[in-house]
N, C-alpha and C. Protein backbone atom coordinates (compact mmCIF):
# COMPACT_ATOMS: atom_id res chain seq x y z
N UNK A 1 33.81 16.58 21.81
CA UNK A 1 33.25 17.91 21.66
C UNK A 1 31.97 18.05 22.48
N UNK A 2 31.18 17.00 22.52
CA UNK A 2 29.93 17.07 23.27
C UNK A 2 30.23 17.23 24.75
N UNK A 3 31.31 16.56 25.21
CA UNK A 3 31.68 16.71 26.62
C UNK A 3 32.03 18.16 26.93
N UNK A 4 32.75 18.82 26.03
CA UNK A 4 33.06 20.23 26.24
C UNK A 4 31.79 21.08 26.26
N UNK A 5 30.88 20.75 25.36
CA UNK A 5 29.62 21.47 25.35
C UNK A 5 28.84 21.23 26.64
N UNK A 6 28.90 19.99 27.11
CA UNK A 6 28.14 19.66 28.32
C UNK A 6 28.72 20.36 29.54
N UNK A 7 30.04 20.52 29.59
CA UNK A 7 30.66 21.20 30.73
C UNK A 7 30.30 22.68 30.74
N UNK A 8 30.28 23.28 29.57
CA UNK A 8 29.98 24.70 29.45
C UNK A 8 28.47 24.84 29.18
N UNK A 9 27.72 25.21 30.19
CA UNK A 9 26.27 25.26 30.04
C UNK A 9 25.77 26.60 29.52
N UNK A 10 26.65 27.49 29.15
CA UNK A 10 26.24 28.76 28.59
C UNK A 10 25.93 28.55 27.10
N UNK A 11 24.66 28.52 26.76
CA UNK A 11 24.25 28.16 25.41
C UNK A 11 24.66 29.20 24.37
N UNK A 12 24.62 30.46 24.74
CA UNK A 12 25.02 31.49 23.76
C UNK A 12 26.51 31.42 23.48
N UNK A 13 27.31 31.07 24.51
CA UNK A 13 28.75 30.91 24.30
C UNK A 13 29.03 29.72 23.39
N UNK A 14 28.27 28.66 23.55
CA UNK A 14 28.42 27.48 22.68
C UNK A 14 28.09 27.86 21.24
N UNK A 15 27.06 28.63 21.05
CA UNK A 15 26.69 29.05 19.69
C UNK A 15 27.78 29.91 19.06
N UNK A 16 28.40 30.80 19.85
CA UNK A 16 29.46 31.66 19.31
C UNK A 16 30.68 30.85 18.90
N UNK A 17 31.03 29.84 19.67
CA UNK A 17 32.24 29.05 19.41
C UNK A 17 31.97 27.83 18.52
N UNK A 18 30.88 27.78 17.87
CA UNK A 18 30.54 26.61 17.04
C UNK A 18 31.65 26.38 16.03
N UNK A 19 32.33 25.18 16.06
CA UNK A 19 33.53 24.97 15.26
C UNK A 19 33.27 24.58 13.80
N UNK A 20 32.07 24.26 13.47
CA UNK A 20 31.80 23.76 12.13
C UNK A 20 31.37 24.89 11.20
N UNK A 21 31.52 24.65 9.90
CA UNK A 21 31.17 25.66 8.91
C UNK A 21 29.66 25.74 8.67
N UNK A 22 28.94 24.76 9.18
CA UNK A 22 27.49 24.75 8.95
C UNK A 22 26.83 25.83 9.80
N UNK A 23 25.56 25.99 9.56
CA UNK A 23 24.80 26.99 10.32
C UNK A 23 24.79 26.61 11.80
N UNK A 24 24.80 27.60 12.66
CA UNK A 24 24.82 27.36 14.10
C UNK A 24 23.47 26.80 14.55
N UNK A 25 23.49 25.84 15.45
CA UNK A 25 22.23 25.29 15.95
C UNK A 25 21.56 26.28 16.91
N UNK A 26 20.28 26.10 17.08
CA UNK A 26 19.55 26.97 18.00
C UNK A 26 19.86 26.57 19.44
N UNK A 27 19.50 27.44 20.36
CA UNK A 27 19.72 27.14 21.78
C UNK A 27 18.94 25.90 22.20
N UNK A 28 17.75 25.76 21.66
CA UNK A 28 16.92 24.60 21.99
C UNK A 28 17.59 23.31 21.50
N UNK A 29 18.16 23.33 20.30
CA UNK A 29 18.83 22.14 19.77
C UNK A 29 20.05 21.79 20.61
N UNK A 30 20.81 22.79 21.04
CA UNK A 30 21.98 22.53 21.88
C UNK A 30 21.55 21.94 23.21
N UNK A 31 20.50 22.48 23.80
CA UNK A 31 20.00 21.96 25.07
C UNK A 31 19.57 20.50 24.92
N UNK A 32 18.92 20.16 23.82
CA UNK A 32 18.50 18.78 23.58
C UNK A 32 19.70 17.85 23.43
N UNK A 33 20.75 18.29 22.74
CA UNK A 33 21.96 17.47 22.58
C UNK A 33 22.61 17.22 23.93
N UNK A 34 22.72 18.26 24.76
CA UNK A 34 23.34 18.11 26.08
C UNK A 34 22.51 17.17 26.95
N UNK A 35 21.19 17.30 26.93
CA UNK A 35 20.33 16.41 27.72
C UNK A 35 20.44 14.97 27.26
N UNK A 36 20.51 14.76 25.95
CA UNK A 36 20.64 13.39 25.42
C UNK A 36 21.99 12.80 25.84
N UNK A 37 23.05 13.61 25.83
CA UNK A 37 24.37 13.14 26.23
C UNK A 37 24.38 12.77 27.72
N UNK A 38 23.75 13.58 28.54
CA UNK A 38 23.70 13.30 29.97
C UNK A 38 22.88 12.04 30.28
N UNK A 39 21.81 11.80 29.52
CA UNK A 39 20.96 10.64 29.75
C UNK A 39 21.60 9.35 29.26
N UNK A 40 22.08 9.37 28.01
CA UNK A 40 22.49 8.12 27.36
C UNK A 40 23.99 8.00 27.17
N UNK A 41 24.75 9.07 27.30
CA UNK A 41 26.18 9.01 27.06
C UNK A 41 26.52 9.04 25.58
N UNK A 42 25.55 9.33 24.75
CA UNK A 42 25.76 9.38 23.31
C UNK A 42 24.70 10.31 22.71
N UNK A 43 24.98 10.80 21.52
CA UNK A 43 24.00 11.63 20.83
C UNK A 43 23.30 10.86 19.72
N UNK A 44 23.61 9.58 19.61
CA UNK A 44 22.95 8.74 18.61
C UNK A 44 21.51 8.52 19.03
N UNK A 45 20.62 8.29 18.06
CA UNK A 45 19.22 8.02 18.41
C UNK A 45 19.11 6.75 19.25
N UNK A 46 18.22 6.79 20.21
CA UNK A 46 18.01 5.62 21.06
C UNK A 46 17.29 4.54 20.29
N UNK A 47 17.71 3.29 20.48
CA UNK A 47 17.04 2.18 19.83
C UNK A 47 15.79 1.84 20.64
N UNK A 48 14.68 1.90 19.98
CA UNK A 48 13.43 1.58 20.66
C UNK A 48 13.03 0.16 20.32
N UNK A 49 12.46 -0.52 21.28
CA UNK A 49 11.97 -1.87 21.02
C UNK A 49 10.67 -1.77 20.26
N UNK A 50 10.51 -2.67 19.31
CA UNK A 50 9.27 -2.68 18.55
C UNK A 50 8.17 -3.26 19.42
N UNK A 51 7.01 -2.71 19.27
CA UNK A 51 5.88 -3.14 20.06
C UNK A 51 5.45 -4.53 19.58
N UNK A 52 5.14 -5.43 20.49
CA UNK A 52 4.70 -6.76 20.05
C UNK A 52 3.35 -6.67 19.35
N UNK A 53 3.14 -7.55 18.43
CA UNK A 53 1.89 -7.54 17.68
C UNK A 53 0.76 -7.98 18.61
N UNK A 54 -0.24 -7.13 18.70
CA UNK A 54 -1.35 -7.45 19.59
C UNK A 54 -2.52 -8.06 18.82
N UNK A 55 -2.65 -7.74 17.54
CA UNK A 55 -3.77 -8.25 16.76
C UNK A 55 -3.36 -9.48 15.96
N UNK A 56 -2.21 -9.42 15.34
CA UNK A 56 -1.77 -10.52 14.47
C UNK A 56 -1.00 -11.56 15.27
N UNK A 57 -1.69 -12.16 16.21
CA UNK A 57 -1.10 -13.24 16.99
C UNK A 57 -1.07 -14.50 16.14
N UNK A 58 -0.28 -15.49 16.52
CA UNK A 58 -0.28 -16.73 15.73
C UNK A 58 -1.67 -17.37 15.62
N UNK A 59 -2.46 -17.22 16.67
CA UNK A 59 -3.82 -17.77 16.62
C UNK A 59 -4.66 -17.06 15.56
N UNK A 60 -4.59 -15.71 15.51
CA UNK A 60 -5.34 -14.97 14.49
C UNK A 60 -4.82 -15.27 13.09
N UNK A 61 -3.49 -15.43 12.94
CA UNK A 61 -2.94 -15.76 11.62
C UNK A 61 -3.46 -17.11 11.16
N UNK A 62 -3.53 -18.10 12.07
CA UNK A 62 -4.06 -19.42 11.71
C UNK A 62 -5.53 -19.33 11.34
N UNK A 63 -6.29 -18.52 12.09
CA UNK A 63 -7.71 -18.36 11.79
C UNK A 63 -7.92 -17.74 10.42
N UNK A 64 -7.13 -16.72 10.11
CA UNK A 64 -7.23 -16.06 8.80
C UNK A 64 -6.85 -17.03 7.69
N UNK A 65 -5.79 -17.79 7.90
CA UNK A 65 -5.34 -18.75 6.90
C UNK A 65 -6.42 -19.82 6.65
N UNK A 66 -7.03 -20.33 7.73
CA UNK A 66 -8.08 -21.35 7.58
C UNK A 66 -9.31 -20.77 6.87
N UNK A 67 -9.65 -19.53 7.20
CA UNK A 67 -10.81 -18.89 6.58
C UNK A 67 -10.59 -18.73 5.08
N UNK A 68 -9.38 -18.33 4.70
CA UNK A 68 -9.09 -18.15 3.27
C UNK A 68 -9.03 -19.50 2.55
N UNK A 69 -8.51 -20.52 3.23
CA UNK A 69 -8.49 -21.85 2.61
C UNK A 69 -9.90 -22.39 2.40
N UNK A 70 -10.80 -22.12 3.35
CA UNK A 70 -12.18 -22.59 3.22
C UNK A 70 -12.91 -21.88 2.08
N UNK A 71 -12.73 -20.57 1.99
CA UNK A 71 -13.42 -19.79 0.96
C UNK A 71 -12.45 -18.76 0.39
N UNK A 72 -11.69 -19.12 -0.66
CA UNK A 72 -10.69 -18.19 -1.19
C UNK A 72 -11.29 -16.94 -1.82
N UNK A 73 -12.56 -16.96 -2.14
CA UNK A 73 -13.18 -15.80 -2.76
C UNK A 73 -13.73 -14.79 -1.76
N UNK A 74 -13.60 -15.07 -0.48
CA UNK A 74 -14.14 -14.17 0.55
C UNK A 74 -13.30 -12.90 0.61
N UNK A 75 -13.96 -11.77 0.73
CA UNK A 75 -13.26 -10.48 0.74
C UNK A 75 -12.58 -10.24 2.08
N UNK A 76 -11.59 -9.36 2.06
CA UNK A 76 -10.89 -9.03 3.30
C UNK A 76 -11.83 -8.35 4.28
N UNK A 77 -12.79 -7.61 3.78
CA UNK A 77 -13.75 -6.94 4.65
C UNK A 77 -14.60 -7.97 5.40
N UNK A 78 -15.05 -9.01 4.71
CA UNK A 78 -15.87 -10.04 5.36
C UNK A 78 -15.05 -10.87 6.34
N UNK A 79 -13.81 -11.13 5.99
CA UNK A 79 -12.93 -11.87 6.91
C UNK A 79 -12.73 -11.06 8.18
N UNK A 80 -12.51 -9.76 8.02
CA UNK A 80 -12.30 -8.90 9.18
C UNK A 80 -13.54 -8.87 10.07
N UNK A 81 -14.72 -8.79 9.47
CA UNK A 81 -15.95 -8.80 10.25
C UNK A 81 -16.15 -10.12 10.98
N UNK A 82 -15.81 -11.21 10.30
CA UNK A 82 -16.00 -12.54 10.88
C UNK A 82 -15.07 -12.76 12.07
N UNK A 83 -13.81 -12.34 11.94
CA UNK A 83 -12.83 -12.59 12.99
C UNK A 83 -12.89 -11.52 14.07
N UNK A 84 -13.27 -10.30 13.69
CA UNK A 84 -13.37 -9.22 14.67
C UNK A 84 -12.12 -8.37 14.76
N UNK A 85 -11.40 -8.25 13.64
CA UNK A 85 -10.22 -7.38 13.59
C UNK A 85 -10.40 -6.43 12.42
N UNK A 86 -9.49 -5.48 12.29
CA UNK A 86 -9.62 -4.49 11.23
C UNK A 86 -9.26 -5.09 9.87
N UNK A 87 -9.75 -4.45 8.82
CA UNK A 87 -9.48 -4.91 7.47
C UNK A 87 -8.00 -4.77 7.13
N UNK A 88 -7.37 -3.69 7.61
CA UNK A 88 -5.95 -3.51 7.33
C UNK A 88 -5.11 -4.59 8.01
N UNK A 89 -5.57 -5.08 9.16
CA UNK A 89 -4.86 -6.18 9.83
C UNK A 89 -4.98 -7.47 9.01
N UNK A 90 -6.13 -7.67 8.39
CA UNK A 90 -6.30 -8.86 7.54
C UNK A 90 -5.39 -8.76 6.32
N UNK A 91 -5.29 -7.58 5.73
CA UNK A 91 -4.41 -7.39 4.57
C UNK A 91 -2.97 -7.64 4.97
N UNK A 92 -2.55 -7.11 6.14
CA UNK A 92 -1.18 -7.33 6.62
C UNK A 92 -0.93 -8.81 6.89
N UNK A 93 -1.93 -9.49 7.45
CA UNK A 93 -1.79 -10.93 7.71
C UNK A 93 -1.63 -11.70 6.40
N UNK A 94 -2.39 -11.29 5.38
CA UNK A 94 -2.25 -11.96 4.08
C UNK A 94 -0.86 -11.75 3.51
N UNK A 95 -0.28 -10.57 3.73
CA UNK A 95 1.09 -10.33 3.27
C UNK A 95 2.06 -11.21 4.04
N UNK A 96 1.86 -11.34 5.35
CA UNK A 96 2.75 -12.19 6.15
C UNK A 96 2.63 -13.65 5.76
N UNK A 97 1.45 -14.08 5.34
CA UNK A 97 1.22 -15.47 4.93
C UNK A 97 1.54 -15.70 3.45
N UNK A 98 2.04 -14.68 2.77
CA UNK A 98 2.36 -14.74 1.34
C UNK A 98 1.14 -15.11 0.49
N UNK A 99 0.00 -14.52 0.84
CA UNK A 99 -1.22 -14.74 0.07
C UNK A 99 -1.53 -13.47 -0.71
N UNK A 100 -2.08 -13.66 -1.89
CA UNK A 100 -2.46 -12.54 -2.73
C UNK A 100 -3.98 -12.38 -2.65
N UNK A 101 -4.48 -11.14 -2.76
CA UNK A 101 -5.93 -10.96 -2.74
C UNK A 101 -6.57 -11.59 -3.97
N UNK A 102 -7.71 -12.19 -3.75
CA UNK A 102 -8.44 -12.87 -4.82
C UNK A 102 -9.45 -11.89 -5.40
N UNK A 103 -9.30 -11.58 -6.66
CA UNK A 103 -10.23 -10.68 -7.33
C UNK A 103 -10.83 -11.41 -8.53
N UNK A 104 -12.04 -11.91 -8.39
CA UNK A 104 -12.63 -12.66 -9.51
C UNK A 104 -12.99 -11.73 -10.66
N UNK A 105 -12.88 -12.25 -11.85
CA UNK A 105 -13.29 -11.51 -13.04
C UNK A 105 -14.45 -12.25 -13.69
N UNK A 106 -15.42 -11.50 -14.16
CA UNK A 106 -16.58 -12.10 -14.79
C UNK A 106 -16.24 -12.46 -16.24
N UNK A 107 -16.59 -13.67 -16.63
CA UNK A 107 -16.36 -14.14 -17.99
C UNK A 107 -17.70 -14.60 -18.55
N UNK A 108 -17.95 -14.24 -19.80
CA UNK A 108 -19.20 -14.64 -20.43
C UNK A 108 -19.14 -16.13 -20.72
N UNK A 109 -20.12 -16.85 -20.20
CA UNK A 109 -20.19 -18.28 -20.46
C UNK A 109 -21.11 -18.51 -21.66
N UNK A 110 -20.60 -19.18 -22.66
CA UNK A 110 -21.39 -19.47 -23.85
C UNK A 110 -22.09 -20.80 -23.65
N UNK A 111 -23.41 -20.74 -23.65
CA UNK A 111 -24.22 -21.94 -23.45
C UNK A 111 -24.77 -22.41 -24.79
N UNK A 112 -25.13 -23.67 -24.90
CA UNK A 112 -25.65 -24.19 -26.17
C UNK A 112 -26.91 -23.46 -26.65
N UNK A 113 -27.76 -22.99 -25.72
CA UNK A 113 -28.99 -22.31 -26.16
C UNK A 113 -28.70 -20.92 -26.74
N UNK A 114 -27.52 -20.40 -26.52
CA UNK A 114 -27.16 -19.10 -27.09
C UNK A 114 -26.76 -19.20 -28.57
N UNK A 115 -26.53 -20.40 -29.06
CA UNK A 115 -26.07 -20.57 -30.42
C UNK A 115 -27.08 -20.03 -31.42
N UNK A 116 -28.37 -20.30 -31.18
CA UNK A 116 -29.41 -19.85 -32.12
C UNK A 116 -29.45 -18.33 -32.18
N UNK A 117 -29.38 -17.66 -31.06
CA UNK A 117 -29.38 -16.19 -31.05
C UNK A 117 -28.16 -15.62 -31.75
N UNK A 118 -27.00 -16.21 -31.49
CA UNK A 118 -25.77 -15.72 -32.12
C UNK A 118 -25.84 -15.92 -33.63
N UNK A 119 -26.44 -17.02 -34.07
CA UNK A 119 -26.57 -17.28 -35.51
C UNK A 119 -27.48 -16.25 -36.16
N UNK A 120 -28.57 -15.88 -35.48
CA UNK A 120 -29.49 -14.88 -36.03
C UNK A 120 -28.80 -13.53 -36.17
N UNK A 121 -28.05 -13.12 -35.18
CA UNK A 121 -27.34 -11.85 -35.25
C UNK A 121 -26.32 -11.90 -36.39
N UNK A 122 -25.62 -13.01 -36.53
CA UNK A 122 -24.63 -13.15 -37.60
C UNK A 122 -25.30 -13.02 -38.95
N UNK A 123 -26.41 -13.73 -39.15
CA UNK A 123 -27.11 -13.66 -40.44
C UNK A 123 -27.63 -12.26 -40.71
N UNK A 124 -28.10 -11.57 -39.69
CA UNK A 124 -28.58 -10.21 -39.84
C UNK A 124 -27.45 -9.29 -40.30
N UNK A 125 -26.29 -9.40 -39.67
CA UNK A 125 -25.16 -8.54 -40.02
C UNK A 125 -24.63 -8.85 -41.42
N UNK A 126 -24.65 -10.10 -41.81
CA UNK A 126 -24.16 -10.49 -43.14
C UNK A 126 -25.07 -9.92 -44.23
N UNK A 127 -26.35 -9.91 -44.00
CA UNK A 127 -27.31 -9.50 -45.03
C UNK A 127 -27.55 -7.99 -45.06
N UNK A 128 -26.89 -7.21 -44.23
CA UNK A 128 -27.07 -5.77 -44.28
C UNK A 128 -26.50 -5.23 -45.59
N UNK A 129 -27.14 -4.21 -46.15
CA UNK A 129 -26.59 -3.64 -47.40
C UNK A 129 -25.26 -2.94 -47.14
N UNK A 130 -24.41 -2.96 -48.12
CA UNK A 130 -23.09 -2.36 -47.98
C UNK A 130 -23.15 -0.84 -47.88
N UNK A 131 -24.25 -0.24 -48.26
CA UNK A 131 -24.39 1.21 -48.19
C UNK A 131 -24.22 1.70 -46.76
N UNK A 132 -24.64 0.92 -45.81
CA UNK A 132 -24.53 1.31 -44.40
C UNK A 132 -23.07 1.43 -43.96
N UNK A 133 -22.19 0.63 -44.57
CA UNK A 133 -20.80 0.62 -44.13
C UNK A 133 -19.91 1.57 -44.92
N UNK A 134 -20.38 2.10 -46.03
CA UNK A 134 -19.55 2.98 -46.84
C UNK A 134 -19.16 4.27 -46.13
N UNK A 135 -20.07 4.98 -45.46
CA UNK A 135 -19.64 6.20 -44.77
C UNK A 135 -18.56 5.92 -43.71
N UNK A 136 -18.65 4.80 -43.09
CA UNK A 136 -17.64 4.46 -42.08
C UNK A 136 -16.30 4.25 -42.76
N UNK A 137 -16.28 3.53 -43.87
CA UNK A 137 -15.01 3.29 -44.54
C UNK A 137 -14.43 4.58 -45.10
N UNK A 138 -15.30 5.49 -45.62
CA UNK A 138 -14.78 6.75 -46.13
C UNK A 138 -14.18 7.58 -45.01
N UNK A 139 -14.90 7.64 -43.90
CA UNK A 139 -14.38 8.45 -42.80
C UNK A 139 -13.06 7.87 -42.29
N UNK A 140 -12.94 6.58 -42.28
CA UNK A 140 -11.69 5.97 -41.84
C UNK A 140 -10.57 6.27 -42.84
N UNK A 141 -10.90 6.23 -44.14
CA UNK A 141 -9.91 6.51 -45.16
C UNK A 141 -9.43 7.95 -45.06
N UNK A 142 -10.35 8.87 -44.82
CA UNK A 142 -9.98 10.27 -44.75
C UNK A 142 -9.09 10.52 -43.53
N UNK A 143 -9.39 9.92 -42.42
CA UNK A 143 -8.63 10.16 -41.20
C UNK A 143 -7.22 9.53 -41.26
N UNK A 144 -7.09 8.41 -41.91
CA UNK A 144 -5.82 7.71 -41.88
C UNK A 144 -4.96 7.98 -43.10
N UNK A 145 -5.44 8.69 -44.09
CA UNK A 145 -4.62 8.99 -45.25
C UNK A 145 -3.80 10.18 -44.97
C-alpha cells in the first residue's frame, strides 16, 4: 500500500482514497510516511544506536566504587564534587554497581553517667500526685466510650 501511495504523489487524492475505517491522516503525515519509505524502504521506526557513556566510564565507576568503599557514609553530592561529575551520574553509577545509598539514622546512646539523671526523673514521676493524671484518664474514658 505504501508503494501505491509513493507512486501517487497527489496527497489530496491519497486522503480521499484512504482504505481504512480510521480517521484520514493529514497531508503532512502522508508526506512524512512517503519520505520515510523512500529513505529506508520501510515505515517502521529507525533503530538508533545508543550513545556511548561519556561520564560513567569504567575508570569513573572504579573511582566511585573505591570512594564508597573508603567512606561508605559519604554523600553522593560530596562524591560528585570530589570526582568532578554530576550527582545524578553518581546515583546512576551506584545503581550500576548495585549499591544502595547510605542514610545514617541517629540513635540515642545511653551512657553510664546518664543513669543518675534518668533515676531522678523516674522518682519524680512516681511521686507525682494522682490528681494530675485524673483529668487525662477521664478525657480518655469519655473519648473512647
